[in-house]
Amino acid sequence: MPIRVRLDDMLHARRMSLTDLSEAVGITLANLSVLKTGKAKAIRFSTLEAICRVLECQPGDLLIAIEEDEA
């Protein structure tokens, strides 16, 4: 079951840019961009925790499992 990253949706809801998130979390813009576009193969729990802390959300708000036919 594929996992979809909803970082773009969360950023839009929080009216925050990827650059703002990068600065607040201390992760490079390039690495966040890979995550945002869904090209990341993995994410560290510490990274996920930092993103959730800044965006004031839960991991389930950022990562969702999608059915194969929806991919």
N, C-alpha and C. Protein backbone atom coordinates (compact mmCIF):
# COMPACT_ATOMS: atom_id res chain seq x y z
N MET A 1 0.85 -1.17 0.00
CA MET A 1 0.00 0.00 0.00
C MET A 1 0.90 1.24 0.00
N PRO A 2 0.82 2.05 -1.04
CA PRO A 2 1.66 3.26 -1.12
C PRO A 2 1.30 4.29 -0.04
N ILE A 3 2.29 5.05 0.35
CA ILE A 3 2.11 6.13 1.33
C ILE A 3 2.21 7.45 0.59
N ARG A 4 1.26 8.32 0.82
CA ARG A 4 1.28 9.65 0.20
C ARG A 4 1.64 10.68 1.27
N VAL A 5 2.53 11.58 0.93
CA VAL A 5 2.93 12.65 1.85
C VAL A 5 2.08 13.88 1.55
N ARG A 6 1.43 14.39 2.57
CA ARG A 6 0.52 15.53 2.43
C ARG A 6 1.16 16.82 2.95
N LEU A 7 2.46 16.95 2.82
CA LEU A 7 3.16 18.12 3.34
C LEU A 7 2.67 19.40 2.67
N ASP A 8 2.45 19.35 1.37
CA ASP A 8 1.99 20.54 0.65
C ASP A 8 0.64 21.01 1.19
N ASP A 9 -0.25 20.07 1.47
CA ASP A 9 -1.56 20.42 2.02
C ASP A 9 -1.44 21.07 3.40
N MET A 10 -0.55 20.51 4.22
CA MET A 10 -0.36 21.06 5.57
C MET A 10 0.27 22.44 5.52
N LEU A 11 1.22 22.64 4.63
CA LEU A 11 1.85 23.95 4.49
C LEU A 11 0.81 24.99 4.05
N HIS A 12 -0.01 24.61 3.09
CA HIS A 12 -1.05 25.52 2.61
C HIS A 12 -2.02 25.87 3.73
N ALA A 13 -2.44 24.87 4.49
CA ALA A 13 -3.38 25.09 5.60
C ALA A 13 -2.78 26.01 6.67
N ARG A 14 -1.47 25.93 6.85
CA ARG A 14 -0.79 26.75 7.88
C ARG A 14 -0.27 28.07 7.30
N ARG A 15 -0.49 28.27 5.99
CA ARG A 15 0.00 29.48 5.31
C ARG A 15 1.50 29.66 5.53
N MET A 16 2.21 28.57 5.30
CA MET A 16 3.65 28.54 5.52
C MET A 16 4.33 28.08 4.24
N SER A 17 5.46 28.66 3.93
CA SER A 17 6.21 28.23 2.76
C SER A 17 7.16 27.10 3.13
N LEU A 18 7.63 26.41 2.12
CA LEU A 18 8.60 25.35 2.35
C LEU A 18 9.89 25.94 2.93
N THR A 19 10.24 27.14 2.50
CA THR A 19 11.43 27.82 3.02
C THR A 19 11.26 28.12 4.51
N ASP A 20 10.08 28.59 4.90
CA ASP A 20 9.82 28.87 6.32
C ASP A 20 9.95 27.59 7.15
N LEU A 21 9.38 26.50 6.64
CA LEU A 21 9.45 25.22 7.35
C LEU A 21 10.90 24.75 7.45
N SER A 22 11.64 24.90 6.37
CA SER A 22 13.05 24.50 6.35
C SER A 22 13.83 25.22 7.44
N GLU A 23 13.62 26.50 7.56
CA GLU A 23 14.32 27.29 8.57
C GLU A 23 13.88 26.92 9.98
N ALA A 24 12.59 26.68 10.17
CA ALA A 24 12.06 26.36 11.50
C ALA A 24 12.48 24.98 11.98
N VAL A 25 12.62 24.04 11.04
CA VAL A 25 12.93 22.66 11.39
C VAL A 25 14.43 22.39 11.36
N GLY A 26 15.16 23.16 10.56
CA GLY A 26 16.60 22.93 10.43
C GLY A 26 16.92 21.81 9.45
N ILE A 27 16.09 21.65 8.45
CA ILE A 27 16.30 20.66 7.40
C ILE A 27 16.45 21.41 6.09
N THR A 28 17.33 20.94 5.23
CA THR A 28 17.57 21.66 3.98
C THR A 28 16.32 21.72 3.13
N LEU A 29 16.23 22.77 2.37
CA LEU A 29 15.11 22.95 1.45
C LEU A 29 15.05 21.81 0.45
N ALA A 30 16.21 21.35 0.00
CA ALA A 30 16.26 20.24 -0.96
C ALA A 30 15.66 18.97 -0.37
N ASN A 31 15.98 18.65 0.87
CA ASN A 31 15.44 17.44 1.51
C ASN A 31 13.94 17.56 1.72
N LEU A 32 13.46 18.72 2.13
CA LEU A 32 12.02 18.90 2.30
C LEU A 32 11.30 18.84 0.97
N SER A 33 11.94 19.33 -0.08
CA SER A 33 11.34 19.28 -1.41
C SER A 33 11.17 17.84 -1.88
N VAL A 34 12.16 17.00 -1.61
CA VAL A 34 12.06 15.58 -1.96
C VAL A 34 10.89 14.94 -1.22
N LEU A 35 10.73 15.30 0.03
CA LEU A 35 9.62 14.76 0.83
C LEU A 35 8.29 15.28 0.30
N LYS A 36 8.22 16.56 0.02
CA LYS A 36 6.99 17.19 -0.44
C LYS A 36 6.51 16.61 -1.77
N THR A 37 7.44 16.32 -2.66
CA THR A 37 7.06 15.80 -3.98
C THR A 37 6.78 14.30 -3.98
N GLY A 38 6.96 13.66 -2.84
CA GLY A 38 6.68 12.24 -2.76
C GLY A 38 7.78 11.34 -3.27
N LYS A 39 8.96 11.89 -3.49
CA LYS A 39 10.08 11.11 -4.02
C LYS A 39 10.94 10.49 -2.92
N ALA A 40 10.66 10.82 -1.67
CA ALA A 40 11.44 10.27 -0.56
C ALA A 40 11.11 8.79 -0.37
N LYS A 41 12.13 8.02 -0.09
CA LYS A 41 11.95 6.58 0.16
C LYS A 41 11.79 6.29 1.65
N ALA A 42 12.20 7.24 2.49
CA ALA A 42 12.14 7.05 3.95
C ALA A 42 12.16 8.42 4.62
N ILE A 43 11.77 8.42 5.89
CA ILE A 43 11.85 9.64 6.70
C ILE A 43 12.22 9.21 8.11
N ARG A 44 13.15 9.93 8.70
CA ARG A 44 13.54 9.65 10.08
C ARG A 44 12.44 10.11 11.02
N PHE A 45 12.27 9.36 12.11
CA PHE A 45 11.28 9.76 13.10
C PHE A 45 11.60 11.13 13.66
N SER A 46 12.86 11.45 13.83
CA SER A 46 13.23 12.77 14.37
C SER A 46 12.82 13.88 13.40
N THR A 47 12.92 13.62 12.11
CA THR A 47 12.49 14.60 11.11
C THR A 47 10.99 14.75 11.13
N LEU A 48 10.29 13.63 11.18
CA LEU A 48 8.83 13.65 11.23
C LEU A 48 8.35 14.38 12.48
N GLU A 49 8.99 14.10 13.60
CA GLU A 49 8.64 14.76 14.86
C GLU A 49 8.84 16.27 14.76
N ALA A 50 9.95 16.71 14.18
CA ALA A 50 10.24 18.14 14.07
C ALA A 50 9.23 18.83 13.15
N ILE A 51 8.89 18.20 12.05
CA ILE A 51 7.91 18.77 11.13
C ILE A 51 6.55 18.88 11.82
N CYS A 52 6.15 17.82 12.51
CA CYS A 52 4.86 17.84 13.22
C CYS A 52 4.84 18.90 14.32
N ARG A 53 5.95 19.08 14.99
CA ARG A 53 6.02 20.09 16.05
C ARG A 53 5.79 21.48 15.47
N VAL A 54 6.47 21.78 14.36
CA VAL A 54 6.36 23.11 13.75
C VAL A 54 4.98 23.32 13.14
N LEU A 55 4.44 22.29 12.50
CA LEU A 55 3.14 22.43 11.84
C LEU A 55 1.97 22.17 12.79
N GLU A 56 2.29 21.79 14.03
CA GLU A 56 1.27 21.51 15.04
C GLU A 56 0.26 20.49 14.51
N CYS A 57 0.79 19.32 14.12
CA CYS A 57 -0.04 18.26 13.59
C CYS A 57 0.47 16.91 14.07
N GLN A 58 -0.22 15.87 13.68
CA GLN A 58 0.16 14.50 14.00
C GLN A 58 0.74 13.84 12.75
N PRO A 59 1.56 12.80 12.91
CA PRO A 59 2.11 12.11 11.73
C PRO A 59 1.02 11.65 10.75
N GLY A 60 -0.12 11.23 11.27
CA GLY A 60 -1.22 10.80 10.40
C GLY A 60 -1.81 11.92 9.56
N ASP A 61 -1.54 13.17 9.95
CA ASP A 61 -1.98 14.31 9.14
C ASP A 61 -1.08 14.50 7.93
N LEU A 62 0.15 14.04 8.05
CA LEU A 62 1.13 14.20 6.97
C LEU A 62 1.25 12.99 6.06
N LEU A 63 1.06 11.81 6.61
CA LEU A 63 1.26 10.57 5.86
C LEU A 63 -0.04 9.80 5.80
N ILE A 64 -0.47 9.46 4.59
CA ILE A 64 -1.68 8.67 4.46
C ILE A 64 -1.41 7.49 3.53
N ALA A 65 -2.03 6.37 3.84
CA ALA A 65 -1.94 5.20 2.99
C ALA A 65 -3.04 5.28 1.95
N ILE A 66 -2.68 4.99 0.70
CA ILE A 66 -3.68 5.03 -0.36
C ILE A 66 -3.80 3.66 -1.01
N GLU A 67 -4.96 3.39 -1.52
CA GLU A 67 -5.21 2.12 -2.20
C GLU A 67 -4.44 2.10 -3.51
N GLU A 68 -4.06 0.93 -3.94
CA GLU A 68 -3.27 0.76 -5.18
C GLU A 68 -3.97 1.42 -6.39
N ASP A 69 -5.29 1.28 -6.50
CA ASP A 69 -6.00 1.82 -7.65
C ASP A 69 -6.13 3.35 -7.60
N GLU A 70 -5.84 3.97 -6.44
CA GLU A 70 -5.85 5.43 -6.32
C GLU A 70 -4.49 6.03 -6.60
N ALA A 71 -3.45 5.21 -6.62
CA ALA A 71 -2.08 5.70 -6.82
C ALA A 71 -1.94 6.16 -8.22
